[in-house]
Amino acid sequence: MDSQAPTERRSRLRQYQVQLLERMQAAKSGAAVGGRELGVLLGGRPCLLDLTQISEIVPLQAATPVPLTQEWYLGLTNIRGHLTGVIDLARYQGLAAGDSAPSERRLITFAPGLGFNCALQVERVLGLRKLAEMTQQDDSSQFLDSDGQQWTRIDLALLVQEPRFAHVGLI
């Protein structure tokens, strides 16, 4: 048996532990590791959601309508035993509804730290994206990827602070 093997394994283990510690510290500080975002399609438009601001992605399920609410408030649904409000963010933003099949639609739940128990209905999940590989357009929420595709970054923490978003009732 080679005597270098145990030393090499210890070195790899130490390297792994350092990387794990860095990730844990980044998670505690709220920093996204590597600027990773979740790409979604909303109103036919590619958008980015910060992974630290979302909890999970669940298949689309029927929401029970709530009377006297805004058109973009789709109602309540039960996600893992919790009543969760469902928002059609495309309609909230005044965009036309997307044409994706219901089988492609998903609900993206907000992270508990945002203090807002709701989920966004998205047309399609497009996968993970790295902001570091994109070019920001004029200090805005618009980014261009290497293929020239424009993405809009949506900050859910700012969204829940909008008075209109917090008041779903018509009255």
N, C-alpha and C. Protein backbone atom coordinates (compact mmCIF):
# COMPACT_ATOMS: atom_id res chain seq x y z
N MET A 1 0.84 -1.18 0.00
CA MET A 1 0.00 0.00 0.00
C MET A 1 0.88 1.24 0.00
N ASP A 2 0.50 2.23 -0.78
CA ASP A 2 1.28 3.45 -0.92
C ASP A 2 1.12 4.32 0.33
N SER A 3 2.24 4.82 0.86
CA SER A 3 2.20 5.64 2.08
C SER A 3 1.66 7.04 1.80
N GLN A 4 1.63 7.48 0.54
CA GLN A 4 1.10 8.78 0.18
C GLN A 4 -0.42 8.82 0.22
N ALA A 5 -1.06 7.67 0.04
CA ALA A 5 -2.51 7.63 -0.02
C ALA A 5 -3.19 8.20 1.22
N PRO A 6 -2.78 7.81 2.45
CA PRO A 6 -3.43 8.39 3.63
C PRO A 6 -3.20 9.91 3.73
N THR A 7 -2.03 10.38 3.37
CA THR A 7 -1.74 11.81 3.42
C THR A 7 -2.59 12.56 2.41
N GLU A 8 -2.71 11.99 1.23
CA GLU A 8 -3.51 12.60 0.18
C GLU A 8 -4.98 12.65 0.58
N ARG A 9 -5.46 11.58 1.20
CA ARG A 9 -6.86 11.55 1.66
C ARG A 9 -7.11 12.60 2.73
N ARG A 10 -6.17 12.74 3.65
CA ARG A 10 -6.31 13.76 4.70
C ARG A 10 -6.35 15.16 4.10
N SER A 11 -5.52 15.37 3.09
CA SER A 11 -5.49 16.67 2.43
C SER A 11 -6.83 16.95 1.74
N ARG A 12 -7.39 15.96 1.06
CA ARG A 12 -8.68 16.14 0.39
C ARG A 12 -9.78 16.35 1.42
N LEU A 13 -9.72 15.62 2.54
CA LEU A 13 -10.72 15.78 3.59
C LEU A 13 -10.65 17.19 4.17
N ARG A 14 -9.44 17.68 4.42
CA ARG A 14 -9.28 19.03 4.96
C ARG A 14 -9.82 20.06 3.96
N GLN A 15 -9.53 19.87 2.68
CA GLN A 15 -10.02 20.77 1.65
C GLN A 15 -11.55 20.77 1.62
N TYR A 16 -12.15 19.62 1.73
CA TYR A 16 -13.60 19.50 1.75
C TYR A 16 -14.17 20.22 2.98
N GLN A 17 -13.53 20.04 4.14
CA GLN A 17 -14.00 20.68 5.36
C GLN A 17 -13.94 22.20 5.24
N VAL A 18 -12.88 22.72 4.63
CA VAL A 18 -12.76 24.17 4.46
C VAL A 18 -13.87 24.68 3.54
N GLN A 19 -14.13 23.97 2.43
CA GLN A 19 -15.20 24.37 1.52
C GLN A 19 -16.56 24.34 2.21
N LEU A 20 -16.79 23.30 3.00
CA LEU A 20 -18.05 23.18 3.73
C LEU A 20 -18.22 24.33 4.72
N LEU A 21 -17.15 24.68 5.44
CA LEU A 21 -17.18 25.79 6.38
C LEU A 21 -17.49 27.10 5.67
N GLU A 22 -16.87 27.32 4.50
CA GLU A 22 -17.13 28.54 3.73
C GLU A 22 -18.59 28.61 3.31
N ARG A 23 -19.15 27.49 2.88
CA ARG A 23 -20.55 27.47 2.47
C ARG A 23 -21.48 27.75 3.64
N MET A 24 -21.16 27.19 4.80
CA MET A 24 -21.99 27.41 5.98
C MET A 24 -21.95 28.87 6.39
N GLN A 25 -20.76 29.48 6.35
CA GLN A 25 -20.64 30.89 6.71
C GLN A 25 -21.39 31.77 5.72
N ALA A 26 -21.32 31.43 4.44
CA ALA A 26 -22.05 32.20 3.43
C ALA A 26 -23.55 32.08 3.64
N ALA A 27 -24.02 30.88 4.00
CA ALA A 27 -25.44 30.69 4.25
C ALA A 27 -25.90 31.49 5.46
N LYS A 28 -25.08 31.54 6.51
CA LYS A 28 -25.44 32.30 7.71
C LYS A 28 -25.50 33.79 7.43
N SER A 29 -24.60 34.28 6.57
CA SER A 29 -24.57 35.71 6.27
C SER A 29 -25.61 36.10 5.23
N GLY A 30 -26.25 35.08 4.61
CA GLY A 30 -27.27 35.37 3.61
C GLY A 30 -26.69 35.54 2.22
N ALA A 31 -25.39 35.39 2.06
CA ALA A 31 -24.76 35.53 0.75
C ALA A 31 -24.99 34.28 -0.07
N ALA A 32 -25.34 34.46 -1.30
CA ALA A 32 -25.53 33.32 -2.19
C ALA A 32 -24.17 32.78 -2.59
N VAL A 33 -23.97 31.50 -2.43
CA VAL A 33 -22.71 30.88 -2.77
C VAL A 33 -22.56 30.90 -4.28
N GLY A 34 -21.58 31.64 -4.76
CA GLY A 34 -21.32 31.70 -6.19
C GLY A 34 -22.38 32.47 -6.96
N GLY A 35 -23.27 33.20 -6.27
CA GLY A 35 -24.29 33.98 -6.95
C GLY A 35 -25.25 33.13 -7.74
N ARG A 36 -25.61 31.98 -7.22
CA ARG A 36 -26.50 31.08 -7.94
C ARG A 36 -27.95 31.53 -7.79
N GLU A 37 -28.65 31.51 -8.90
CA GLU A 37 -30.04 31.93 -8.96
C GLU A 37 -30.85 30.82 -9.62
N LEU A 38 -32.14 30.82 -9.34
CA LEU A 38 -33.04 29.88 -10.00
C LEU A 38 -33.68 30.61 -11.18
N GLY A 39 -33.51 30.05 -12.37
CA GLY A 39 -34.14 30.62 -13.56
C GLY A 39 -35.56 30.10 -13.70
N VAL A 40 -36.51 31.01 -13.89
CA VAL A 40 -37.91 30.64 -14.08
C VAL A 40 -38.48 31.46 -15.23
N LEU A 41 -39.58 31.01 -15.77
CA LEU A 41 -40.28 31.73 -16.82
C LEU A 41 -41.56 32.31 -16.23
N LEU A 42 -41.71 33.64 -16.33
CA LEU A 42 -42.89 34.36 -15.82
C LEU A 42 -43.44 35.25 -16.92
N GLY A 43 -44.67 35.03 -17.30
CA GLY A 43 -45.26 35.87 -18.35
C GLY A 43 -44.45 35.82 -19.64
N GLY A 44 -43.84 34.69 -19.93
CA GLY A 44 -43.04 34.54 -21.13
C GLY A 44 -41.66 35.18 -21.03
N ARG A 45 -41.30 35.65 -19.85
CA ARG A 45 -40.05 36.38 -19.64
C ARG A 45 -39.13 35.58 -18.70
N PRO A 46 -37.86 35.36 -19.08
CA PRO A 46 -36.93 34.67 -18.18
C PRO A 46 -36.59 35.55 -16.97
N CYS A 47 -36.72 34.97 -15.79
CA CYS A 47 -36.46 35.71 -14.56
C CYS A 47 -35.54 34.89 -13.66
N LEU A 48 -34.88 35.59 -12.73
CA LEU A 48 -33.98 34.97 -11.77
C LEU A 48 -34.49 35.21 -10.36
N LEU A 49 -34.46 34.15 -9.53
CA LEU A 49 -34.83 34.24 -8.12
C LEU A 49 -33.63 33.81 -7.29
N ASP A 50 -33.30 34.59 -6.28
CA ASP A 50 -32.19 34.29 -5.37
C ASP A 50 -32.51 33.01 -4.60
N LEU A 51 -31.61 32.05 -4.65
CA LEU A 51 -31.85 30.77 -3.96
C LEU A 51 -32.02 30.92 -2.46
N THR A 52 -31.44 31.97 -1.87
CA THR A 52 -31.59 32.14 -0.42
C THR A 52 -32.98 32.66 -0.06
N GLN A 53 -33.75 33.11 -1.05
CA GLN A 53 -35.07 33.67 -0.79
C GLN A 53 -36.21 32.71 -1.08
N ILE A 54 -35.87 31.51 -1.56
CA ILE A 54 -36.91 30.53 -1.84
C ILE A 54 -36.71 29.31 -0.96
N SER A 55 -37.81 28.61 -0.73
CA SER A 55 -37.75 27.44 0.13
C SER A 55 -37.75 26.16 -0.69
N GLU A 56 -38.76 26.01 -1.56
CA GLU A 56 -38.81 24.80 -2.37
C GLU A 56 -39.64 25.02 -3.63
N ILE A 57 -39.50 24.06 -4.53
CA ILE A 57 -40.26 24.03 -5.77
C ILE A 57 -41.21 22.85 -5.67
N VAL A 58 -42.50 23.12 -5.85
CA VAL A 58 -43.48 22.03 -5.76
C VAL A 58 -44.31 22.01 -7.04
N PRO A 59 -44.82 20.84 -7.40
CA PRO A 59 -45.69 20.77 -8.58
C PRO A 59 -46.93 21.64 -8.38
N LEU A 60 -47.46 22.14 -9.49
CA LEU A 60 -48.66 22.95 -9.44
C LEU A 60 -49.80 22.15 -8.85
N GLN A 61 -50.51 22.77 -7.94
CA GLN A 61 -51.71 22.15 -7.37
C GLN A 61 -52.81 23.20 -7.33
N ALA A 62 -54.01 22.73 -7.34
CA ALA A 62 -55.15 23.64 -7.36
C ALA A 62 -55.18 24.51 -6.11
N ALA A 63 -55.48 25.78 -6.32
CA ALA A 63 -55.65 26.71 -5.21
C ALA A 63 -57.14 26.98 -5.04
N THR A 64 -57.58 27.04 -3.79
CA THR A 64 -58.97 27.36 -3.50
C THR A 64 -59.13 28.87 -3.57
N PRO A 65 -59.99 29.36 -4.47
CA PRO A 65 -60.16 30.81 -4.60
C PRO A 65 -60.66 31.44 -3.30
N VAL A 66 -60.24 32.66 -3.08
CA VAL A 66 -60.68 33.43 -1.91
C VAL A 66 -61.48 34.61 -2.45
N PRO A 67 -62.73 34.77 -2.00
CA PRO A 67 -63.55 35.87 -2.51
C PRO A 67 -62.96 37.24 -2.18
N LEU A 68 -63.29 38.19 -3.04
CA LEU A 68 -62.92 39.59 -2.86
C LEU A 68 -61.41 39.82 -2.76
N THR A 69 -60.67 39.11 -3.63
CA THR A 69 -59.21 39.30 -3.69
C THR A 69 -58.82 39.74 -5.09
N GLN A 70 -57.62 40.24 -5.22
CA GLN A 70 -57.09 40.69 -6.50
C GLN A 70 -57.04 39.53 -7.49
N GLU A 71 -57.10 39.84 -8.79
CA GLU A 71 -57.07 38.81 -9.82
C GLU A 71 -55.78 38.00 -9.80
N TRP A 72 -54.69 38.59 -9.36
CA TRP A 72 -53.40 37.91 -9.35
C TRP A 72 -53.23 37.02 -8.12
N TYR A 73 -54.13 37.13 -7.16
CA TYR A 73 -54.10 36.25 -5.99
C TYR A 73 -54.95 35.03 -6.34
N LEU A 74 -54.30 33.90 -6.56
CA LEU A 74 -55.01 32.72 -7.05
C LEU A 74 -55.75 31.95 -5.97
N GLY A 75 -55.42 32.20 -4.70
CA GLY A 75 -56.11 31.54 -3.60
C GLY A 75 -55.15 30.84 -2.66
N LEU A 76 -55.70 29.87 -1.93
CA LEU A 76 -54.92 29.14 -0.93
C LEU A 76 -54.75 27.68 -1.34
N THR A 77 -53.61 27.14 -1.02
CA THR A 77 -53.37 25.72 -1.25
C THR A 77 -52.63 25.15 -0.05
N ASN A 78 -52.69 23.86 0.11
CA ASN A 78 -52.04 23.19 1.22
C ASN A 78 -50.69 22.64 0.74
N ILE A 79 -49.60 23.20 1.26
CA ILE A 79 -48.27 22.71 0.92
C ILE A 79 -47.63 22.19 2.20
N ARG A 80 -47.47 20.88 2.25
CA ARG A 80 -46.86 20.21 3.41
C ARG A 80 -47.53 20.58 4.73
N GLY A 81 -48.87 20.63 4.69
CA GLY A 81 -49.63 20.88 5.91
C GLY A 81 -49.78 22.34 6.27
N HIS A 82 -49.34 23.26 5.42
CA HIS A 82 -49.45 24.69 5.69
C HIS A 82 -50.29 25.35 4.61
N LEU A 83 -51.28 26.13 5.02
CA LEU A 83 -52.05 26.91 4.06
C LEU A 83 -51.15 28.00 3.51
N THR A 84 -51.04 28.04 2.19
CA THR A 84 -50.12 28.95 1.54
C THR A 84 -50.86 29.74 0.46
N GLY A 85 -50.69 31.05 0.48
CA GLY A 85 -51.28 31.89 -0.55
C GLY A 85 -50.50 31.74 -1.85
N VAL A 86 -51.23 31.69 -2.97
CA VAL A 86 -50.59 31.50 -4.27
C VAL A 86 -50.77 32.78 -5.10
N ILE A 87 -49.64 33.29 -5.59
CA ILE A 87 -49.61 34.53 -6.35
C ILE A 87 -49.19 34.24 -7.78
N ASP A 88 -49.92 34.79 -8.74
CA ASP A 88 -49.50 34.75 -10.14
C ASP A 88 -48.70 36.03 -10.36
N LEU A 89 -47.38 35.94 -10.26
CA LEU A 89 -46.53 37.13 -10.32
C LEU A 89 -46.59 37.80 -11.70
N ALA A 90 -46.79 37.03 -12.75
CA ALA A 90 -46.89 37.63 -14.08
C ALA A 90 -48.09 38.59 -14.11
N ARG A 91 -49.24 38.15 -13.61
CA ARG A 91 -50.42 39.03 -13.58
C ARG A 91 -50.20 40.21 -12.64
N TYR A 92 -49.55 39.97 -11.51
CA TYR A 92 -49.26 41.05 -10.56
C TYR A 92 -48.44 42.15 -11.24
N GLN A 93 -47.52 41.74 -12.11
CA GLN A 93 -46.66 42.69 -12.81
C GLN A 93 -47.29 43.23 -14.09
N GLY A 94 -48.54 42.83 -14.37
CA GLY A 94 -49.24 43.33 -15.54
C GLY A 94 -48.85 42.64 -16.84
N LEU A 95 -48.24 41.47 -16.73
CA LEU A 95 -47.85 40.71 -17.92
C LEU A 95 -48.95 39.74 -18.31
N ALA A 96 -48.97 39.37 -19.57
CA ALA A 96 -49.94 38.37 -20.03
C ALA A 96 -49.57 37.02 -19.45
N ALA A 97 -50.57 36.20 -19.24
CA ALA A 97 -50.32 34.84 -18.74
C ALA A 97 -49.54 34.06 -19.78
N GLY A 98 -48.63 33.25 -19.33
CA GLY A 98 -47.83 32.44 -20.23
C GLY A 98 -48.65 31.31 -20.84
N ASP A 99 -48.11 30.71 -21.87
CA ASP A 99 -48.84 29.66 -22.56
C ASP A 99 -48.30 28.26 -22.27
N SER A 100 -47.61 28.12 -21.17
CA SER A 100 -47.05 26.80 -20.84
C SER A 100 -48.16 25.84 -20.41
N ALA A 101 -47.89 24.58 -20.62
CA ALA A 101 -48.85 23.54 -20.21
C ALA A 101 -48.90 23.46 -18.69
N PRO A 102 -50.06 23.15 -18.13
CA PRO A 102 -50.16 23.02 -16.67
C PRO A 102 -49.13 22.05 -16.08
N SER A 103 -48.74 21.04 -16.84
CA SER A 103 -47.76 20.07 -16.34
C SER A 103 -46.38 20.68 -16.16
N GLU A 104 -46.10 21.82 -16.82
CA GLU A 104 -44.80 22.49 -16.69
C GLU A 104 -44.79 23.53 -15.57
N ARG A 105 -45.95 23.98 -15.14
CA ARG A 105 -46.03 25.03 -14.12
C ARG A 105 -45.63 24.48 -12.76
N ARG A 106 -45.06 25.38 -11.95
CA ARG A 106 -44.61 25.01 -10.61
C ARG A 106 -44.97 26.13 -9.63
N LEU A 107 -44.94 25.78 -8.35
CA LEU A 107 -45.08 26.75 -7.27
C LEU A 107 -43.73 26.88 -6.59
N ILE A 108 -43.28 28.11 -6.40
CA ILE A 108 -42.02 28.39 -5.72
C ILE A 108 -42.38 29.03 -4.38
N THR A 109 -42.08 28.33 -3.29
CA THR A 109 -42.44 28.86 -1.96
C THR A 109 -41.34 29.80 -1.46
N PHE A 110 -41.77 30.81 -0.72
CA PHE A 110 -40.84 31.79 -0.15
C PHE A 110 -40.10 31.17 1.03
N ALA A 111 -38.86 31.60 1.23
CA ALA A 111 -38.07 31.17 2.39
C ALA A 111 -38.73 31.69 3.66
N PRO A 112 -38.72 30.89 4.73
CA PRO A 112 -39.35 31.32 5.99
C PRO A 112 -38.81 32.65 6.51
N GLY A 113 -37.55 32.94 6.25
CA GLY A 113 -36.95 34.18 6.72
C GLY A 113 -37.60 35.44 6.17
N LEU A 114 -38.34 35.33 5.07
CA LEU A 114 -39.01 36.49 4.50
C LEU A 114 -40.27 36.84 5.27
N GLY A 115 -40.75 35.90 6.11
CA GLY A 115 -41.93 36.16 6.93
C GLY A 115 -43.21 36.32 6.14
N PHE A 116 -43.30 35.68 4.98
CA PHE A 116 -44.46 35.81 4.13
C PHE A 116 -44.79 34.43 3.60
N ASN A 117 -45.88 33.86 4.06
CA ASN A 117 -46.23 32.48 3.71
C ASN A 117 -46.98 32.45 2.38
N CYS A 118 -46.21 32.43 1.30
CA CYS A 118 -46.85 32.36 -0.01
C CYS A 118 -45.96 31.65 -1.01
N ALA A 119 -46.53 31.40 -2.16
CA ALA A 119 -45.81 30.75 -3.24
C ALA A 119 -46.13 31.48 -4.54
N LEU A 120 -45.15 31.52 -5.43
CA LEU A 120 -45.34 32.11 -6.75
C LEU A 120 -45.63 31.00 -7.75
N GLN A 121 -46.61 31.23 -8.58
CA GLN A 121 -46.84 30.30 -9.69
C GLN A 121 -45.95 30.74 -10.84
N VAL A 122 -45.12 29.83 -11.34
CA VAL A 122 -44.27 30.14 -12.49
C VAL A 122 -44.64 29.20 -13.64
N GLU A 123 -44.40 29.67 -14.86
CA GLU A 123 -44.75 28.88 -16.04
C GLU A 123 -43.84 27.66 -16.18
N ARG A 124 -42.58 27.86 -15.85
CA ARG A 124 -41.61 26.79 -16.04
C ARG A 124 -40.37 27.10 -15.23
N VAL A 125 -39.73 26.08 -14.70
CA VAL A 125 -38.44 26.22 -14.03
C VAL A 125 -37.37 25.96 -15.08
N LEU A 126 -36.44 26.91 -15.22
CA LEU A 126 -35.42 26.83 -16.26
C LEU A 126 -34.07 26.34 -15.75
N GLY A 127 -33.95 26.13 -14.44
CA GLY A 127 -32.70 25.61 -13.88
C GLY A 127 -31.86 26.68 -13.21
N LEU A 128 -30.70 26.25 -12.71
CA LEU A 128 -29.81 27.16 -11.99
C LEU A 128 -28.99 28.00 -12.96
N ARG A 129 -28.73 29.24 -12.56
CA ARG A 129 -27.92 30.17 -13.34
C ARG A 129 -26.93 30.83 -12.39
N LYS A 130 -25.80 31.27 -12.92
CA LYS A 130 -24.80 31.97 -12.12
C LYS A 130 -24.73 33.43 -12.56
N LEU A 131 -24.95 34.33 -11.60
CA LEU A 131 -24.87 35.76 -11.91
C LEU A 131 -23.47 36.15 -12.36
N ALA A 132 -22.45 35.48 -11.81
CA ALA A 132 -21.07 35.80 -12.16
C ALA A 132 -20.79 35.59 -13.64
N GLU A 133 -21.59 34.78 -14.30
CA GLU A 133 -21.42 34.51 -15.72
C GLU A 133 -22.31 35.38 -16.58
N MET A 134 -22.98 36.37 -15.96
CA MET A 134 -23.87 37.27 -16.69
C MET A 134 -23.37 38.70 -16.57
N THR A 135 -23.86 39.55 -17.45
CA THR A 135 -23.50 40.96 -17.45
C THR A 135 -24.70 41.78 -17.02
N GLN A 136 -24.52 42.57 -15.95
CA GLN A 136 -25.61 43.42 -15.47
C GLN A 136 -25.78 44.61 -16.40
N GLN A 137 -27.01 44.98 -16.68
CA GLN A 137 -27.32 46.07 -17.58
C GLN A 137 -27.60 47.35 -16.81
N ASP A 138 -26.68 48.31 -16.83
CA ASP A 138 -26.88 49.64 -16.27
C ASP A 138 -27.43 49.68 -14.85
N ASP A 139 -26.80 49.00 -13.92
CA ASP A 139 -27.21 49.01 -12.51
C ASP A 139 -28.69 48.72 -12.32
N SER A 140 -29.25 47.88 -13.15
CA SER A 140 -30.66 47.54 -13.02
C SER A 140 -30.79 46.08 -12.62
N SER A 141 -32.01 45.60 -12.67
CA SER A 141 -32.26 44.19 -12.36
C SER A 141 -32.20 43.34 -13.61
N GLN A 142 -31.69 43.89 -14.71
CA GLN A 142 -31.60 43.18 -15.98
C GLN A 142 -30.17 42.63 -16.16
N PHE A 143 -30.09 41.38 -16.63
CA PHE A 143 -28.81 40.72 -16.85
C PHE A 143 -28.83 40.04 -18.22
N LEU A 144 -27.67 39.98 -18.86
CA LEU A 144 -27.52 39.26 -20.12
C LEU A 144 -26.62 38.05 -19.89
N ASP A 145 -27.06 36.89 -20.39
CA ASP A 145 -26.21 35.71 -20.26
C ASP A 145 -25.29 35.62 -21.49
N SER A 146 -24.45 34.61 -21.53
CA SER A 146 -23.47 34.48 -22.61
C SER A 146 -24.11 34.23 -23.97
N ASP A 147 -25.37 33.82 -24.00
CA ASP A 147 -26.09 33.60 -25.25
C ASP A 147 -26.86 34.85 -25.71
N GLY A 148 -26.75 35.94 -24.95
CA GLY A 148 -27.46 37.17 -25.29
C GLY A 148 -28.89 37.20 -24.78
N GLN A 149 -29.29 36.21 -23.99
CA GLN A 149 -30.64 36.16 -23.42
C GLN A 149 -30.74 37.13 -22.25
N GLN A 150 -31.78 37.96 -22.23
CA GLN A 150 -31.98 38.91 -21.14
C GLN A 150 -32.79 38.26 -20.02
N TRP A 151 -32.33 38.48 -18.78
CA TRP A 151 -32.98 37.94 -17.58
C TRP A 151 -33.33 39.10 -16.65
N THR A 152 -34.46 38.99 -15.98
CA THR A 152 -34.87 39.97 -14.98
C THR A 152 -34.74 39.34 -13.61
N ARG A 153 -33.96 39.97 -12.73
CA ARG A 153 -33.78 39.45 -11.37
C ARG A 153 -34.88 40.02 -10.48
N ILE A 154 -35.57 39.14 -9.77
CA ILE A 154 -36.66 39.55 -8.89
C ILE A 154 -36.22 39.33 -7.45
N ASP A 155 -36.21 40.40 -6.68
CA ASP A 155 -35.82 40.34 -5.28
C ASP A 155 -37.09 40.13 -4.45
N LEU A 156 -37.27 38.92 -3.94
CA LEU A 156 -38.49 38.61 -3.18
C LEU A 156 -38.57 39.38 -1.87
N ALA A 157 -37.43 39.72 -1.27
CA ALA A 157 -37.44 40.50 -0.03
C ALA A 157 -38.01 41.89 -0.27
N LEU A 158 -37.71 42.47 -1.43
CA LEU A 158 -38.30 43.77 -1.78
C LEU A 158 -39.77 43.63 -2.16
N LEU A 159 -40.09 42.54 -2.83
CA LEU A 159 -41.46 42.30 -3.26
C LEU A 159 -42.42 42.25 -2.07
N VAL A 160 -42.04 41.54 -1.01
CA VAL A 160 -42.96 41.41 0.14
C VAL A 160 -43.11 42.73 0.91
N GLN A 161 -42.25 43.71 0.64
CA GLN A 161 -42.37 45.01 1.29
C GLN A 161 -43.29 45.96 0.53
N GLU A 162 -43.66 45.58 -0.70
CA GLU A 162 -44.57 46.43 -1.47
C GLU A 162 -45.97 46.37 -0.86
N PRO A 163 -46.55 47.52 -0.52
CA PRO A 163 -47.89 47.52 0.09
C PRO A 163 -48.94 46.81 -0.77
N ARG A 164 -48.87 47.00 -2.07
CA ARG A 164 -49.84 46.36 -2.97
C ARG A 164 -49.75 44.84 -2.90
N PHE A 165 -48.54 44.30 -2.77
CA PHE A 165 -48.35 42.86 -2.70
C PHE A 165 -48.93 42.30 -1.40
N ALA A 166 -48.79 43.04 -0.33
CA ALA A 166 -49.25 42.57 0.99
C ALA A 166 -50.76 42.66 1.16
N HIS A 167 -51.43 43.47 0.34
CA HIS A 167 -52.88 43.66 0.47
C HIS A 167 -53.59 43.03 -0.72
N VAL A 168 -53.96 41.79 -0.57
CA VAL A 168 -54.57 41.04 -1.68
C VAL A 168 -56.08 41.29 -1.79
N GLY A 169 -56.67 41.85 -0.75
CA GLY A 169 -58.11 42.07 -0.77
C GLY A 169 -58.53 43.23 -1.64
N LEU A 170 -59.75 43.17 -2.16
CA LEU A 170 -60.28 44.23 -3.00
C LEU A 170 -60.80 45.40 -2.16
N ILE A 171 -61.12 45.13 -0.93
CA ILE A 171 -61.71 46.17 -0.07
C ILE A 171 -60.64 46.89 0.70
